[in-house]
Amino acid sequence: MTTYAADDLHSEIAYLAHHLHWPFNELLDLEHVRRSQFLRHVKDFDHHLRDRN
């Protein structure tokens, strides 16, 4: 099993919490693959909004 750097994990959770307004524990409970999917979608959406302006 591969461990995940605590700083990276906290950075991802902070980013998702800011954009999705989900509780810390819910984000922490996400499997890495699922959290990565949410990150990718939120970042894509964020870039899309920035490109429109």
N, C-alpha and C. Protein backbone atom coordinates (compact mmCIF):
# COMPACT_ATOMS: atom_id res chain seq x y z
N MET A 1 0.84 -1.18 0.00
CA MET A 1 0.00 0.00 0.00
C MET A 1 0.89 1.25 0.00
N THR A 2 0.55 2.19 -0.82
CA THR A 2 1.30 3.43 -0.93
C THR A 2 0.69 4.47 0.01
N THR A 3 1.54 5.16 0.74
CA THR A 3 1.04 6.23 1.60
C THR A 3 1.02 7.54 0.82
N TYR A 4 0.26 8.47 1.29
CA TYR A 4 0.07 9.75 0.62
C TYR A 4 0.60 10.84 1.53
N ALA A 5 1.37 11.74 0.98
CA ALA A 5 1.98 12.82 1.77
C ALA A 5 0.88 13.65 2.46
N ALA A 6 1.06 13.88 3.75
CA ALA A 6 0.05 14.61 4.53
C ALA A 6 -0.19 16.00 3.97
N ASP A 7 0.87 16.69 3.54
CA ASP A 7 0.70 18.04 2.98
C ASP A 7 -0.14 18.02 1.71
N ASP A 8 0.08 17.01 0.86
CA ASP A 8 -0.70 16.88 -0.37
C ASP A 8 -2.17 16.59 -0.05
N LEU A 9 -2.38 15.70 0.90
CA LEU A 9 -3.74 15.36 1.29
C LEU A 9 -4.48 16.57 1.84
N HIS A 10 -3.84 17.31 2.72
CA HIS A 10 -4.48 18.50 3.29
C HIS A 10 -4.73 19.57 2.23
N SER A 11 -3.83 19.71 1.30
CA SER A 11 -4.01 20.67 0.21
C SER A 11 -5.22 20.30 -0.65
N GLU A 12 -5.34 19.03 -0.99
CA GLU A 12 -6.48 18.58 -1.79
C GLU A 12 -7.79 18.78 -1.03
N ILE A 13 -7.80 18.43 0.24
CA ILE A 13 -9.01 18.57 1.03
C ILE A 13 -9.40 20.03 1.17
N ALA A 14 -8.42 20.90 1.41
CA ALA A 14 -8.71 22.33 1.53
C ALA A 14 -9.30 22.87 0.22
N TYR A 15 -8.74 22.45 -0.90
CA TYR A 15 -9.22 22.91 -2.21
C TYR A 15 -10.67 22.46 -2.42
N LEU A 16 -10.93 21.19 -2.17
CA LEU A 16 -12.30 20.67 -2.35
C LEU A 16 -13.27 21.29 -1.36
N ALA A 17 -12.85 21.45 -0.11
CA ALA A 17 -13.73 22.04 0.90
C ALA A 17 -14.11 23.47 0.50
N HIS A 18 -13.14 24.21 -0.03
CA HIS A 18 -13.40 25.58 -0.46
C HIS A 18 -14.44 25.63 -1.58
N HIS A 19 -14.31 24.74 -2.53
CA HIS A 19 -15.19 24.78 -3.70
C HIS A 19 -16.50 24.03 -3.50
N LEU A 20 -16.48 22.94 -2.75
CA LEU A 20 -17.68 22.12 -2.62
C LEU A 20 -18.44 22.34 -1.31
N HIS A 21 -17.77 22.97 -0.34
CA HIS A 21 -18.40 23.22 0.97
C HIS A 21 -18.83 21.92 1.65
N TRP A 22 -17.99 20.91 1.51
CA TRP A 22 -18.24 19.63 2.16
C TRP A 22 -17.45 19.58 3.46
N PRO A 23 -17.95 18.83 4.45
CA PRO A 23 -17.23 18.70 5.73
C PRO A 23 -15.89 17.98 5.55
N PHE A 24 -14.94 18.37 6.39
CA PHE A 24 -13.60 17.79 6.36
C PHE A 24 -13.63 16.27 6.41
N ASN A 25 -14.40 15.71 7.33
CA ASN A 25 -14.42 14.25 7.50
C ASN A 25 -14.94 13.52 6.26
N GLU A 26 -15.92 14.10 5.58
CA GLU A 26 -16.43 13.48 4.36
C GLU A 26 -15.36 13.45 3.28
N LEU A 27 -14.63 14.55 3.15
CA LEU A 27 -13.56 14.61 2.16
C LEU A 27 -12.42 13.67 2.52
N LEU A 28 -12.10 13.60 3.79
CA LEU A 28 -11.03 12.73 4.24
C LEU A 28 -11.38 11.26 4.03
N ASP A 29 -12.66 10.92 4.12
CA ASP A 29 -13.10 9.53 3.95
C ASP A 29 -13.11 9.07 2.49
N LEU A 30 -13.00 10.00 1.55
CA LEU A 30 -13.00 9.61 0.14
C LEU A 30 -11.75 8.80 -0.18
N GLU A 31 -11.92 7.76 -0.98
CA GLU A 31 -10.77 7.02 -1.49
C GLU A 31 -9.95 7.96 -2.38
N HIS A 32 -8.67 7.70 -2.46
CA HIS A 32 -7.78 8.57 -3.23
C HIS A 32 -8.26 8.74 -4.67
N VAL A 33 -8.64 7.65 -5.31
CA VAL A 33 -9.08 7.72 -6.71
C VAL A 33 -10.31 8.60 -6.84
N ARG A 34 -11.26 8.44 -5.94
CA ARG A 34 -12.49 9.23 -6.00
C ARG A 34 -12.20 10.71 -5.72
N ARG A 35 -11.34 10.98 -4.72
CA ARG A 35 -10.96 12.37 -4.42
C ARG A 35 -10.26 13.00 -5.62
N SER A 36 -9.40 12.24 -6.28
CA SER A 36 -8.70 12.75 -7.47
C SER A 36 -9.67 13.08 -8.59
N GLN A 37 -10.71 12.27 -8.73
CA GLN A 37 -11.73 12.55 -9.75
C GLN A 37 -12.44 13.87 -9.44
N PHE A 38 -12.83 14.06 -8.19
CA PHE A 38 -13.46 15.32 -7.81
C PHE A 38 -12.53 16.49 -8.04
N LEU A 39 -11.26 16.34 -7.67
CA LEU A 39 -10.29 17.42 -7.89
C LEU A 39 -10.20 17.79 -9.36
N ARG A 40 -10.10 16.78 -10.21
CA ARG A 40 -9.98 17.03 -11.64
C ARG A 40 -11.21 17.77 -12.17
N HIS A 41 -12.40 17.34 -11.76
CA HIS A 41 -13.62 17.98 -12.25
C HIS A 41 -13.76 19.41 -11.74
N VAL A 42 -13.44 19.63 -10.47
CA VAL A 42 -13.54 20.98 -9.91
C VAL A 42 -12.52 21.90 -10.57
N LYS A 43 -11.30 21.41 -10.75
CA LYS A 43 -10.27 22.23 -11.40
C LYS A 43 -10.64 22.53 -12.85
N ASP A 44 -11.17 21.54 -13.57
CA ASP A 44 -11.61 21.78 -14.95
C ASP A 44 -12.70 22.83 -15.00
N PHE A 45 -13.66 22.72 -14.09
CA PHE A 45 -14.75 23.68 -14.05
C PHE A 45 -14.24 25.07 -13.71
N ASP A 46 -13.32 25.14 -12.75
CA ASP A 46 -12.72 26.42 -12.36
C ASP A 46 -11.97 27.06 -13.52
N HIS A 47 -11.21 26.26 -14.26
CA HIS A 47 -10.50 26.80 -15.43
C HIS A 47 -11.48 27.25 -16.51
N HIS A 48 -12.53 26.50 -16.68
CA HIS A 48 -13.56 26.87 -17.67
C HIS A 48 -14.16 28.24 -17.33
N LEU A 49 -14.46 28.44 -16.04
CA LEU A 49 -15.02 29.74 -15.63
C LEU A 49 -14.03 30.86 -15.84
N ARG A 50 -12.77 30.63 -15.55
CA ARG A 50 -11.74 31.66 -15.74
C ARG A 50 -11.56 32.00 -17.21
N ASP A 51 -11.64 31.00 -18.07
CA ASP A 51 -11.47 31.23 -19.51
C ASP A 51 -12.61 32.04 -20.10
N ARG A 52 -13.79 31.96 -19.49
CA ARG A 52 -14.95 32.69 -19.99
C ARG A 52 -14.84 34.18 -19.72
N ASN A 53 -14.07 34.54 -18.72
CA ASN A 53 -13.97 35.96 -18.32
C ASN A 53 -12.84 36.65 -18.99
